[in-house]
Structures are given as C-alpha cells and as structure tokens.
Protein backbone atom coordinates (compact mmCIF):
# COMPACT_ATOMS: atom_id res chain seq x y z
CA UNK A 1 -0.08 -0.06 0.04
CA UNK A 2 1.40 3.29 -0.91
CA UNK A 3 0.07 7.09 -0.59
CA UNK A 4 -0.79 9.52 -2.77
CA UNK A 5 -1.54 12.90 -1.72
CA UNK A 6 -2.16 11.62 1.81
CA UNK A 7 -4.76 8.68 0.71
CA UNK A 8 -3.85 5.20 0.56
CA UNK A 9 -3.64 3.66 -2.62
CA UNK A 10 -3.70 -0.20 -3.28
CA UNK A 11 -0.80 -1.74 -4.84
CA UNK A 12 -1.13 -2.41 -8.16
CA UNK A 13 -3.62 0.40 -8.66
CA UNK A 14 -1.11 3.14 -9.38
CA UNK A 15 -2.84 5.90 -11.45
CA UNK A 16 -1.01 6.48 -14.97
CA UNK A 17 -0.88 9.69 -17.10
CA UNK A 18 -1.69 9.60 -20.32
CA UNK A 19 1.19 9.81 -23.29
CA UNK A 20 1.13 13.53 -22.81
CA UNK A 21 1.01 13.74 -19.20
CA UNK A 22 -2.19 15.60 -19.14
CA UNK A 23 -5.08 14.45 -17.19
CA UNK A 24 -8.02 12.83 -18.68
CA UNK A 25 -10.68 15.31 -16.93
CA UNK A 26 -9.56 18.39 -15.31
CA UNK A 27 -11.97 20.83 -13.49
CA UNK A 28 -10.63 24.21 -12.14
CA UNK A 29 -12.63 26.75 -10.21
CA UNK A 30 -15.75 25.31 -11.02
CA UNK A 31 -19.00 27.28 -10.14
CA UNK A 32 -22.34 25.61 -10.43
CA UNK A 33 -25.55 27.26 -9.49
CA UNK A 34 -29.19 26.10 -9.10
CA UNK A 35 -31.91 28.53 -7.83
CA UNK A 36 -31.22 29.66 -4.59
CA UNK A 37 -28.01 27.47 -3.95
CA UNK A 38 -24.52 27.06 -5.23
CA UNK A 39 -23.87 23.28 -5.69
CA UNK A 40 -19.81 23.98 -6.53
CA UNK A 41 -18.00 26.79 -5.40
CA UNK A 42 -14.71 26.95 -6.49
CA UNK A 43 -14.25 22.89 -6.88
CA UNK A 44 -11.35 21.68 -8.28
CA UNK A 45 -10.32 17.96 -9.58
CA UNK A 46 -8.22 16.18 -11.84
CA UNK A 47 -8.33 12.53 -12.81
CA UNK A 48 -5.46 10.58 -14.60
CA UNK A 49 -5.71 7.73 -17.26
CA UNK A 50 -6.19 4.44 -15.57
CA UNK A 51 -7.10 6.21 -11.88
CA UNK A 52 -10.26 5.57 -10.23
CA UNK A 53 -11.62 8.25 -7.85
CA UNK A 54 -14.85 7.98 -5.66
CA UNK A 55 -16.75 11.25 -4.77
CA UNK A 56 -18.91 11.03 -1.57
CA UNK A 57 -21.14 13.34 0.07
CA UNK A 58 -24.64 13.28 1.66
CA UNK A 59 -27.45 13.12 -0.70
CA UNK A 60 -28.18 16.78 -2.18
CA UNK A 61 -24.41 17.56 -1.64
CA UNK A 62 -24.04 17.74 -5.60
CA UNK A 63 -22.31 14.48 -6.57
CA UNK A 64 -24.69 14.00 -9.50
CA UNK A 65 -24.50 17.33 -10.83
CA UNK A 66 -20.49 16.99 -10.72
CA UNK A 67 -20.81 14.08 -12.80
CA UNK A 68 -23.16 15.62 -15.30
CA UNK A 69 -21.02 18.38 -15.58
CA UNK A 70 -17.92 16.29 -16.68
CA UNK A 71 -20.44 14.95 -19.11
CA UNK A 72 -20.75 18.20 -20.49
CA UNK A 73 -24.65 17.98 -19.74
CA UNK A 74 -24.40 21.02 -17.43
CA UNK A 75 -22.96 24.45 -18.15
CA UNK A 76 -21.38 25.98 -15.08
CA UNK A 77 -21.43 29.72 -14.21
CA UNK A 78 -17.92 29.84 -14.03
CA UNK A 79 -14.49 27.62 -14.09
CA UNK A 80 -12.77 25.35 -16.63
CA UNK A 81 -13.99 21.61 -17.52
CA UNK A 82 -11.51 19.97 -20.04
CA UNK A 83 -12.05 16.40 -20.91
CA UNK A 84 -9.33 14.85 -23.03
CA UNK A 85 -7.67 18.06 -23.29
CA UNK A 86 -11.01 19.69 -24.93
CA UNK A 87 -12.79 22.42 -23.06
CA UNK A 88 -16.50 22.45 -22.52
CA UNK A 89 -16.56 26.12 -22.12
CA UNK A 90 -17.45 26.99 -25.54
CA UNK A 91 -18.51 23.41 -26.96
CA UNK A 92 -21.64 23.34 -28.92
CA UNK A 93 -24.29 20.87 -27.99
CA UNK A 94 -23.48 18.64 -30.97
CA UNK A 95 -19.66 18.93 -30.00
CA UNK A 96 -20.50 17.82 -26.38
CA UNK A 97 -22.79 15.05 -27.42
CA UNK A 98 -20.14 13.71 -29.66
CA UNK A 99 -17.63 14.02 -26.68
CA UNK A 100 -20.11 11.80 -24.77
CA UNK A 101 -20.65 9.44 -27.30
CA UNK A 102 -16.92 8.88 -28.23
CA UNK A 103 -14.81 9.72 -25.24
CA UNK A 104 -17.08 9.33 -22.32
CA UNK A 105 -18.92 6.16 -20.84
CA UNK A 106 -21.69 6.37 -18.03
CA UNK A 107 -23.26 4.12 -15.89
CA UNK A 108 -26.27 5.06 -14.23
CA UNK A 109 -28.10 3.65 -10.65
CA UNK A 110 -30.31 1.52 -12.22
CA UNK A 111 -28.73 0.49 -15.53
CA UNK A 112 -31.17 2.36 -17.74
CA UNK A 113 -31.45 -0.47 -20.08
CA UNK A 114 -33.93 -0.26 -23.24
CA UNK A 115 -36.71 -2.86 -22.73
CA UNK A 116 -37.53 -2.99 -26.59
CA UNK A 117 -33.92 -4.09 -27.32
CA UNK A 118 -31.89 -7.31 -26.56
CA UNK A 119 -29.20 -7.11 -24.13
CA UNK A 120 -26.71 -7.41 -26.82
CA UNK A 121 -28.49 -4.46 -28.65
CA UNK A 122 -28.17 -2.20 -25.79
CA UNK A 123 -24.74 -2.70 -25.43
CA UNK A 124 -23.88 -2.26 -28.90
CA UNK A 125 -26.19 0.93 -29.22
CA UNK A 126 -23.53 3.65 -28.22
CA UNK A 127 -21.15 2.14 -30.99
CA UNK A 128 -23.80 2.07 -33.58
CA UNK A 129 -24.57 5.57 -33.19
CA UNK A 130 -21.11 6.37 -33.25
CA UNK A 131 -20.67 4.51 -36.81
CA UNK A 132 -18.18 2.04 -35.47
CA UNK A 133 -17.82 -1.44 -37.50
CA UNK A 134 -17.99 -4.41 -35.64
CA UNK A 135 -20.65 -3.16 -32.95
CA UNK A 136 -22.31 -6.35 -32.18
CA UNK A 137 -18.93 -8.39 -32.18
CA UNK A 138 -17.44 -5.52 -29.58
CA UNK A 139 -20.49 -5.95 -27.62
CA UNK A 140 -20.27 -9.59 -27.07
CA UNK A 141 -16.53 -9.30 -26.34
CA UNK A 142 -17.63 -6.79 -23.55
CA UNK A 143 -20.53 -9.14 -22.34
CA UNK A 144 -18.05 -11.70 -21.94
CA UNK A 145 -15.70 -9.43 -19.97
CA UNK A 146 -18.10 -8.47 -17.59
CA UNK A 147 -19.38 -11.75 -16.81
CA UNK A 148 -22.20 -12.14 -18.89
CA UNK A 149 -21.62 -14.73 -22.00
CA UNK A 150 -24.53 -16.32 -23.82
CA UNK A 151 -26.51 -13.23 -22.40
CA UNK A 152 -26.89 -11.16 -25.62
CA UNK A 153 -30.26 -12.46 -26.55
CA UNK A 154 -32.02 -11.86 -23.42
CA UNK A 155 -34.23 -9.19 -22.93
CA UNK A 156 -33.48 -6.70 -20.04
CA UNK A 157 -36.23 -7.81 -17.75
CA UNK A 158 -34.57 -11.16 -17.66
CA UNK A 159 -31.95 -10.07 -15.88
CA UNK A 160 -31.43 -9.78 -12.29
CA UNK A 161 -30.23 -6.10 -10.76
CA UNK A 162 -26.57 -7.06 -10.62
CA UNK A 163 -26.60 -8.59 -14.16
CA UNK A 164 -28.24 -5.45 -15.42
CA UNK A 165 -25.57 -3.07 -13.99
CA UNK A 166 -23.08 -5.41 -15.61
CA UNK A 167 -24.49 -4.99 -18.88
CA UNK A 168 -24.77 -1.08 -18.68
CA UNK A 169 -21.10 -1.36 -17.43
CA UNK A 170 -20.50 -3.19 -20.87
CA UNK A 171 -22.57 -0.82 -22.52
CA UNK A 172 -20.74 2.31 -21.06
CA UNK A 173 -17.19 0.72 -22.36
CA UNK A 174 -18.23 -0.18 -25.79
CA UNK A 175 -16.76 2.81 -27.62
CA UNK A 176 -13.61 2.51 -25.70
CA UNK A 177 -13.99 5.99 -23.82
CA UNK A 178 -11.13 7.62 -21.71
CA UNK A 179 -13.44 8.60 -19.03
CA UNK A 180 -16.16 6.48 -17.32
CA UNK A 181 -18.86 8.27 -15.04
CA UNK A 182 -20.51 6.12 -12.53
CA UNK A 183 -23.42 7.66 -10.62
CA UNK A 184 -24.23 5.52 -7.50
CA UNK A 185 -23.93 2.37 -9.54
CA UNK A 186 -24.33 -0.18 -6.53
CA UNK A 187 -27.26 1.98 -4.96
CA UNK A 188 -29.64 -0.40 -5.99
CA UNK A 189 -27.79 -3.94 -5.14
CA UNK A 190 -27.50 -5.93 -2.14
CA UNK A 191 -23.91 -6.39 -0.68
CA UNK A 192 -22.97 -9.53 -2.61
CA UNK A 193 -23.88 -8.10 -6.20
CA UNK A 194 -22.51 -4.52 -4.98
CA UNK A 195 -19.21 -6.04 -4.48
CA UNK A 196 -19.02 -7.89 -7.77
CA UNK A 197 -20.25 -4.92 -9.64
CA UNK A 198 -17.67 -2.79 -8.15
CA UNK A 199 -14.94 -5.50 -9.29
CA UNK A 200 -16.31 -5.57 -12.78
CA UNK A 201 -16.49 -1.95 -13.21
CA UNK A 202 -12.67 -1.57 -11.92
CA UNK A 203 -11.45 -4.59 -13.93
CA UNK A 204 -13.39 -3.66 -17.01
CA UNK A 205 -11.92 0.11 -16.65
CA UNK A 206 -8.22 -1.09 -16.02
CA UNK A 207 -8.71 -3.08 -19.03
CA UNK A 208 -9.42 -0.29 -21.57
CA UNK A 209 -7.07 1.97 -19.59
CA UNK A 210 -10.04 4.45 -18.69
CA UNK A 211 -10.10 6.69 -16.04
CA UNK A 212 -12.86 6.62 -13.52
CA UNK A 213 -15.20 8.81 -11.44
CA UNK A 214 -17.61 7.49 -9.18
CA UNK A 215 -20.38 9.14 -7.10
CA UNK A 216 -21.32 6.75 -4.20
CA UNK A 217 -22.84 6.44 -0.58
CA UNK A 218 -21.20 2.85 -0.22
CA UNK A 219 -17.78 3.06 1.77
CA UNK A 220 -16.81 -0.46 0.48
CA UNK A 221 -17.17 1.01 -3.06
CA UNK A 222 -14.94 4.08 -1.90
CA UNK A 223 -12.34 1.97 -0.36
CA UNK A 224 -11.75 0.15 -4.03
CA UNK A 225 -10.58 3.39 -5.64
CA UNK A 226 -7.29 5.24 -5.69
CA UNK A 227 -8.66 8.24 -3.99
CA UNK A 228 -11.71 9.09 -2.03
CA UNK A 229 -13.00 12.72 -2.28
CA UNK A 230 -15.75 14.29 0.04
CA UNK A 231 -18.10 16.94 -1.75
CA UNK A 232 -19.15 19.36 1.10
CA UNK A 233 -19.95 22.94 0.78
CA UNK A 234 -19.52 23.07 -2.73
CA UNK A 235 -15.66 21.96 -2.86
CA UNK A 236 -14.12 18.37 -3.06
CA UNK A 237 -11.86 17.68 -0.19
CA UNK A 238 -9.41 14.67 0.02
CA UNK A 239 -10.32 12.04 2.60
CA UNK A 240 -8.70 8.93 3.94
CA UNK A 241 -11.82 6.81 3.87
CA UNK A 242 -9.88 4.03 3.03
CA UNK A 243 -8.59 1.98 -0.33
CA UNK A 244 -8.54 -1.67 -0.92
CA UNK A 245 -10.43 -4.27 -2.39
CA UNK A 246 -14.25 -4.48 -2.68
CA UNK A 247 -15.43 -6.42 0.41
CA UNK A 248 -12.35 -5.86 2.10
CA UNK A 249 -12.68 -5.60 6.05
CA UNK A 250 -12.58 -2.24 7.41
C-alpha cells in the first residue's frame, strides 16, 4: 500500500498519466448554481488515465451534478472543465454530445437498459450511433468481459439487478471511452452484487485504460478506488476513507 496525496492507494492500482502527461479530466474553479443554491463553489479536480476516484457526500451535496458537468450536460456558471484536453466551455451541444458518445461512458444507478432491445443491442447501441464497425462483435466481447457470456439474446427484464448493471457497464465501455462516470452504480444492489459490480467496473476500466469517477454513498466502493474525495460546501476534500479491494474488512 502506497500513499498519494495523503490517501492510501492499493498496490497495483497506481494511476497512470496519458502519453502527453495531461489528465483525462480537469476541473478548475468550478462554480455551478441552481436557484437559491451554489452546488459547486470553486471546485477543483484532476483525474489521470487509469485512475479510479470515488466522490462521496450526503444526498443533495451535488455528486450527480458534478458528474453531469463532467459529461457536458450542465453548463457551469464559472470555471474550467476539460475532458481529454478539450474545453467544454465553448463546446456546442453537438460537440458535447459527440464527446460523450466517443470519449465518455456513463453508468447509472438503475442501469437504464432499453426494454425493447436485447441485451446485446443495448450494449452495442452507442457504438452503432458512433458509426463504428463490428459494434455487435465488440458488444459480445464486453459481455464476456463482465461475466455475461451467452446473455446477448436475452431481454433486459430477464436480468437480475446485478446482471443489468454489468450489462450497463459493458455499454458504457463499448466505444472505448477515456473517461467513465458512474452515478451510484451499486445503490440499488445487495452487498454481494455490489461487490461484484464494483470489481467488474474497476477491472473493465483498467482493461481499457479508462479513468473512472464514481459518485457513491457506499464506503466499500470508495475503499476500492485510488482516491476518495468528499464533496462538502461546494468543494472536494481528500479523505482517508480507505482504499482496498471491494468487500475488504474495514
């Protein structure tokens, strides 16, 4: 176990910078406001390629808002947001959508699979929108990677909660994103499935070299990341909430 910025980092999980040394995600002086409230107030964050960061905080603290801002879904009142070296400040809606499609993968609390599509079609859909060849083959490879071989022809309603989340992780990775944003990915799961989904998410991101930012209330999820940040009073604070394998004793 080594230390980075005062936070324990598991051996073998050292974050790696990209080839140009630039972080995959960089936020500086971020200000995000909603009527009557400032969600982010001078918030700073950098995430390197291959690094996994947990963002914790009480409900309503702004974790989801932060992820949406990183995805270009929210336009901040002030500050800098750069994804893969590209500023979102002046990005058009089309440019931001293209960046989300090709560089960012998103995982939601309830999977959000489309019921009218098969599992394979759900996973392949972003790659098809991006015009990538062999989208179905890539989707099949990812279903194998997340432990769902042979599930491609099933309907989403046939999956358990944990299986649906693993399919959602495969979908998030189908375009080989450089950044994966996961919003409470284990929030609707029991402890066993939460541990498995956390392992799958980390392993799949590591396999593709993607940076990972996870908003979570689950300390077991946070312990599995390289760093844990606490969102409080509109800013992120480093915390020694622990780092280790999912399900490790605290």
